[in-house]
C-alpha atoms as a PDB file:
ATOM      1  CA  UNK A   1      -9.585  63.107 -72.707  1.00  0.00           C
ATOM      2  CA  UNK A   2      -8.631  60.216 -70.040  1.00  0.00           C
ATOM      3  CA  UNK A   3      -5.049  60.939 -68.236  1.00  0.00           C
ATOM      4  CA  UNK A   4      -2.140  58.807 -68.370  1.00  0.00           C
ATOM      5  CA  UNK A   5      -0.628  58.304 -65.474  1.00  0.00           C
ATOM      6  CA  UNK A   6       3.306  58.212 -65.207  1.00  0.00           C
ATOM      7  CA  UNK A   7       6.453  58.780 -62.673  1.00  0.00           C
ATOM      8  CA  UNK A   8       8.124  61.937 -62.490  1.00  0.00           C
ATOM      9  CA  UNK A   9      11.442  59.978 -64.220  1.00  0.00           C
ATOM     10  CA  UNK A  10       8.791  58.991 -67.263  1.00  0.00           C
ATOM     11  CA  UNK A  11       7.386  62.459 -67.553  1.00  0.00           C
ATOM     12  CA  UNK A  12      10.806  63.755 -67.497  1.00  0.00           C
ATOM     13  CA  UNK A  13      11.913  60.934 -70.500  1.00  0.00           C
ATOM     14  CA  UNK A  14       8.986  61.648 -72.408  1.00  0.00           C
ATOM     15  CA  UNK A  15      10.061  65.639 -72.392  1.00  0.00           C
ATOM     16  CA  UNK A  16      13.389  64.926 -73.743  1.00  0.00           C
ATOM     17  CA  UNK A  17      12.756  62.855 -76.247  1.00  0.00           C
ATOM     18  CA  UNK A  18      10.203  65.341 -77.791  1.00  0.00           C
ATOM     19  CA  UNK A  19      12.566  68.319 -76.874  1.00  0.00           C
ATOM     20  CA  UNK A  20      15.122  66.060 -79.007  1.00  0.00           C
ATOM     21  CA  UNK A  21      12.848  65.761 -81.815  1.00  0.00           C
ATOM     22  CA  UNK A  22      11.578  69.591 -82.355  1.00  0.00           C
ATOM     23  CA  UNK A  23      14.899  70.902 -81.785  1.00  0.00           C
ATOM     24  CA  UNK A  24      17.673  68.407 -83.153  1.00  0.00           C
ATOM     25  CA  UNK A  25      15.435  66.083 -85.620  1.00  0.00           C
ATOM     26  CA  UNK A  26      13.029  68.456 -86.826  1.00  0.00           C
ATOM     27  CA  UNK A  27      15.720  70.585 -87.953  1.00  0.00           C
ATOM     28  CA  UNK A  28      18.126  68.617 -89.176  1.00  0.00           C
ATOM     29  CA  UNK A  29      14.891  66.575 -91.261  1.00  0.00           C
ATOM     30  CA  UNK A  30      14.215  70.092 -93.029  1.00  0.00           C
ATOM     31  CA  UNK A  31      17.819  70.569 -93.870  1.00  0.00           C
ATOM     32  CA  UNK A  32      18.165  66.969 -95.628  1.00  0.00           C
ATOM     33  CA  UNK A  33      15.249  67.885 -97.459  1.00  0.00           C
ATOM     34  CA  UNK A  34      16.199  70.892 -98.704  1.00  0.00           C
ATOM     35  CA  UNK A  35      19.351  69.749 -99.402  1.00  0.00           C
ATOM     36  CA  UNK A  36      17.724  66.709-101.294  1.00  0.00           C
ATOM     37  CA  UNK A  37      15.538  69.412-103.368  1.00  0.00           C
ATOM     38  CA  UNK A  38      18.661  71.391-104.237  1.00  0.00           C
ATOM     39  CA  UNK A  39      20.772  67.884-105.556  1.00  0.00           C
ATOM     40  CA  UNK A  40      17.935  66.662-107.530  1.00  0.00           C
ATOM     41  CA  UNK A  41      14.732  69.167-108.650  1.00  0.00           C
ATOM     42  CA  UNK A  42      12.734  65.978-110.052  1.00  0.00           C
ATOM     43  CA  UNK A  43      11.127  65.007-106.893  1.00  0.00           C
ATOM     44  CA  UNK A  44       9.368  62.376-108.423  1.00  0.00           C
ATOM     45  CA  UNK A  45      12.637  60.559-108.975  1.00  0.00           C
ATOM     46  CA  UNK A  46      14.312  61.785-106.022  1.00  0.00           C
ATOM     47  CA  UNK A  47      15.102  58.644-103.325  1.00  0.00           C
ATOM     48  CA  UNK A  48      16.781  60.732-100.826  1.00  0.00           C
ATOM     49  CA  UNK A  49      14.341  63.709-100.971  1.00  0.00           C
ATOM     50  CA  UNK A  50      11.275  60.684-100.553  1.00  0.00           C
ATOM     51  CA  UNK A  51      13.575  59.189 -97.793  1.00  0.00           C
ATOM     52  CA  UNK A  52      13.765  62.375 -95.507  1.00  0.00           C
ATOM     53  CA  UNK A  53      10.175  62.852 -96.803  1.00  0.00           C
ATOM     54  CA  UNK A  54       8.982  59.948 -95.301  1.00  0.00           C
ATOM     55  CA  UNK A  55      11.426  60.587 -91.733  1.00  0.00           C
ATOM     56  CA  UNK A  56       9.863  63.780 -91.410  1.00  0.00           C
ATOM     57  CA  UNK A  57       6.427  62.566 -91.660  1.00  0.00           C
ATOM     58  CA  UNK A  58       7.493  59.763 -88.547  1.00  0.00           C
ATOM     59  CA  UNK A  59       8.886  62.250 -86.661  1.00  0.00           C
ATOM     60  CA  UNK A  60       6.210  64.852 -86.967  1.00  0.00           C
ATOM     61  CA  UNK A  61       3.729  61.858 -85.874  1.00  0.00           C
ATOM     62  CA  UNK A  62       5.987  60.509 -83.032  1.00  0.00           C
ATOM     63  CA  UNK A  63       5.977  64.490 -81.949  1.00  0.00           C
ATOM     64  CA  UNK A  64       2.331  64.511 -81.941  1.00  0.00           C
ATOM     65  CA  UNK A  65       2.239  61.524 -79.926  1.00  0.00           C
ATOM     66  CA  UNK A  66       4.227  62.954 -76.821  1.00  0.00           C
ATOM     67  CA  UNK A  67       2.625  66.364 -76.829  1.00  0.00           C
ATOM     68  CA  UNK A  68      -0.787  64.250 -76.731  1.00  0.00           C
ATOM     69  CA  UNK A  69       0.273  62.257 -73.508  1.00  0.00           C
ATOM     70  CA  UNK A  70       2.323  65.034 -72.037  1.00  0.00           C
ATOM     71  CA  UNK A  71      -0.715  67.144 -72.328  1.00  0.00           C
ATOM     72  CA  UNK A  72      -2.512  64.192 -70.080  1.00  0.00           C
ATOM     73  CA  UNK A  73       0.280  63.364 -67.740  1.00  0.00           C
ATOM     74  CA  UNK A  74      -0.507  62.525 -64.315  1.00  0.00           C
ATOM     75  CA  UNK A  75       2.423  62.600 -62.461  1.00  0.00           C
ATOM     76  CA  UNK A  76       2.709  60.435 -59.535  1.00  0.00           C
ATOM     77  CA  UNK A  77       5.642  61.043 -56.892  1.00  0.00           C
ATOM     78  CA  UNK A  78       6.736  57.167 -56.037  1.00  0.00           C
ATOM     79  CA  UNK A  79       9.092  59.095 -54.050  1.00  0.00           C
ATOM     80  CA  UNK A  80       5.891  59.609 -51.664  1.00  0.00           C
ATOM     81  CA  UNK A  81       4.688  56.148 -51.635  1.00  0.00           C
ATOM     82  CA  UNK A  82       5.203  53.650 -48.934  1.00  0.00           C
ATOM     83  CA  UNK A  83       3.808  50.819 -47.479  1.00  0.00           C
ATOM     84  CA  UNK A  84       3.667  46.856 -48.094  1.00  0.00           C
ATOM     85  CA  UNK A  85       1.126  46.620 -50.838  1.00  0.00           C
ATOM     86  CA  UNK A  86       2.127  47.071 -54.062  1.00  0.00           C
ATOM     87  CA  UNK A  87       0.540  49.972 -56.315  1.00  0.00           C
ATOM     88  CA  UNK A  88       1.611  51.857 -58.827  1.00  0.00           C
ATOM     89  CA  UNK A  89       5.206  53.138 -58.890  1.00  0.00           C
ATOM     90  CA  UNK A  90       6.508  50.005 -56.565  1.00  0.00           C
ATOM     91  CA  UNK A  91       9.604  48.495 -57.596  1.00  0.00           C
ATOM     92  CA  UNK A  92       9.328  44.786 -57.343  1.00  0.00           C
ATOM     93  CA  UNK A  93      11.881  41.274 -56.767  1.00  0.00           C
ATOM     94  CA  UNK A  94       9.963  37.998 -57.835  1.00  0.00           C
ATOM     95  CA  UNK A  95      11.247  34.504 -57.542  1.00  0.00           C
ATOM     96  CA  UNK A  96      10.190  32.649 -60.946  1.00  0.00           C
ATOM     97  CA  UNK A  97       8.901  28.982 -58.712  1.00  0.00           C
ATOM     98  CA  UNK A  98       9.634  27.262 -61.496  1.00  0.00           C
ATOM     99  CA  UNK A  99      13.458  28.471 -62.410  1.00  0.00           C
ATOM    100  CA  UNK A 100      13.806  30.069 -59.538  1.00  0.00           C
ATOM    101  CA  UNK A 101      15.566  33.552 -61.748  1.00  0.00           C
ATOM    102  CA  UNK A 102      14.766  36.406 -59.988  1.00  0.00           C
ATOM    103  CA  UNK A 103      13.133  39.430 -62.032  1.00  0.00           C
ATOM    104  CA  UNK A 104      12.719  43.123 -60.886  1.00  0.00           C
ATOM    105  CA  UNK A 105      10.792  45.066 -62.241  1.00  0.00           C
ATOM    106  CA  UNK A 106       8.607  48.656 -61.687  1.00  0.00           C
ATOM    107  CA  UNK A 107       5.379  49.493 -62.368  1.00  0.00           C
ATOM    108  CA  UNK A 108       4.941  52.456 -64.208  1.00  0.00           C
ATOM    109  CA  UNK A 109       2.217  54.068 -67.143  1.00  0.00           C
ATOM    110  CA  UNK A 110       2.205  52.578 -70.481  1.00  0.00           C
ATOM    111  CA  UNK A 111       3.793  55.766 -71.954  1.00  0.00           C
ATOM    112  CA  UNK A 112       7.026  54.758 -70.101  1.00  0.00           C
ATOM    113  CA  UNK A 113       6.901  51.047 -70.135  1.00  0.00           C
ATOM    114  CA  UNK A 114       9.787  49.277 -71.563  1.00  0.00           C
ATOM    115  CA  UNK A 115       9.728  45.236 -70.152  1.00  0.00           C
ATOM    116  CA  UNK A 116      14.059  44.676 -71.142  1.00  0.00           C
ATOM    117  CA  UNK A 117      14.687  47.545 -69.357  1.00  0.00           C
ATOM    118  CA  UNK A 118      12.059  45.943 -66.233  1.00  0.00           C
ATOM    119  CA  UNK A 119       9.584  48.582 -66.618  1.00  0.00           C
ATOM    120  CA  UNK A 120       6.034  47.112 -66.773  1.00  0.00           C
ATOM    121  CA  UNK A 121       2.912  49.014 -67.611  1.00  0.00           C
ATOM    122  CA  UNK A 122       0.269  48.917 -64.771  1.00  0.00           C
ATOM    123  CA  UNK A 123      -1.723  47.448 -67.064  1.00  0.00           C
ATOM    124  CA  UNK A 124       0.259  44.374 -67.918  1.00  0.00           C
ATOM    125  CA  UNK A 125      -1.160  40.879 -66.743  1.00  0.00           C
ATOM    126  CA  UNK A 126       1.877  40.316 -64.307  1.00  0.00           C
ATOM    127  CA  UNK A 127       0.829  44.189 -62.850  1.00  0.00           C
ATOM    128  CA  UNK A 128      -2.493  43.120 -62.673  1.00  0.00           C
ATOM    129  CA  UNK A 129      -1.884  40.204 -61.232  1.00  0.00           C
ATOM    130  CA  UNK A 130       0.513  41.983 -58.855  1.00  0.00           C
ATOM    131  CA  UNK A 131      -1.169  45.528 -57.646  1.00  0.00           C
ATOM    132  CA  UNK A 132      -2.736  44.936 -54.320  1.00  0.00           C
ATOM    133  CA  UNK A 133      -0.176  42.184 -53.206  1.00  0.00           C
ATOM    134  CA  UNK A 134       2.172  42.218 -50.764  1.00  0.00           C
ATOM    135  CA  UNK A 135       5.439  40.199 -49.890  1.00  0.00           C
ATOM    136  CA  UNK A 136       5.509  36.528 -49.405  1.00  0.00           C
ATOM    137  CA  UNK A 137       2.410  36.946 -52.348  1.00  0.00           C
ATOM    138  CA  UNK A 138       2.367  34.046 -54.925  1.00  0.00           C
ATOM    139  CA  UNK A 139       0.907  34.787 -58.114  1.00  0.00           C
ATOM    140  CA  UNK A 140      -0.469  32.909 -61.282  1.00  0.00           C
ATOM    141  CA  UNK A 141       0.415  35.259 -65.107  1.00  0.00           C
ATOM    142  CA  UNK A 142      -0.503  33.984 -68.028  1.00  0.00           C
ATOM    143  CA  UNK A 143       1.655  34.955 -70.626  1.00  0.00           C
ATOM    144  CA  UNK A 144       1.994  34.008 -74.591  1.00  0.00           C
ATOM    145  CA  UNK A 145       4.444  31.653 -73.488  1.00  0.00           C
ATOM    146  CA  UNK A 146       2.124  30.087 -71.058  1.00  0.00           C
ATOM    147  CA  UNK A 147       1.867  30.072 -67.202  1.00  0.00           C
ATOM    148  CA  UNK A 148       4.031  31.535 -64.791  1.00  0.00           C
ATOM    149  CA  UNK A 149       4.050  31.567 -60.660  1.00  0.00           C
ATOM    150  CA  UNK A 150       6.390  34.425 -59.018  1.00  0.00           C
ATOM    151  CA  UNK A 151       7.112  34.774 -54.946  1.00  0.00           C
ATOM    152  CA  UNK A 152       7.104  38.267 -54.372  1.00  0.00           C
ATOM    153  CA  UNK A 153      10.480  38.331 -52.537  1.00  0.00           C
ATOM    154  CA  UNK A 154      10.487  42.201 -51.777  1.00  0.00           C
ATOM    155  CA  UNK A 155       8.757  45.643 -52.190  1.00  0.00           C
ATOM    156  CA  UNK A 156      10.280  48.868 -52.537  1.00  0.00           C
ATOM    157  CA  UNK A 157       9.963  52.263 -53.584  1.00  0.00           C
ATOM    158  CA  UNK A 158      12.489  53.925 -55.622  1.00  0.00           C
ATOM    159  CA  UNK A 159      12.365  57.202 -57.856  1.00  0.00           C
END
């Protein structure tokens, strides 16, 4: 099974979510199911039971997914990385060549990617275009909205 590279922060976030789902959400859902059964023993017509059971299934599926990801995690310590060349873990400041808009993003593992928070997967089109480049480089990326060009303004190594 292939490893999943991720930052220490991403690994900690997945561990936190797993702990929340196993220690808090799982018992809460079990209580909801028990209460729904106590309130209406006819399970076929018990909508609260069906809803809680559905939530429990989703929670258990996410727990299994998190456990699998954590078991395959390869933690990359970004604080030990350096250099001018962009690679996994780099925090990059970019300028959109068309709009002049600045964008800051960190290249992270797929499990921790969240573009809305500036964390892009190393396998995303933008990250693939950036990896191996350096400050001053201009990269072209195809996006669903069309082509984009960015200039690399800064490369930093933040934990």
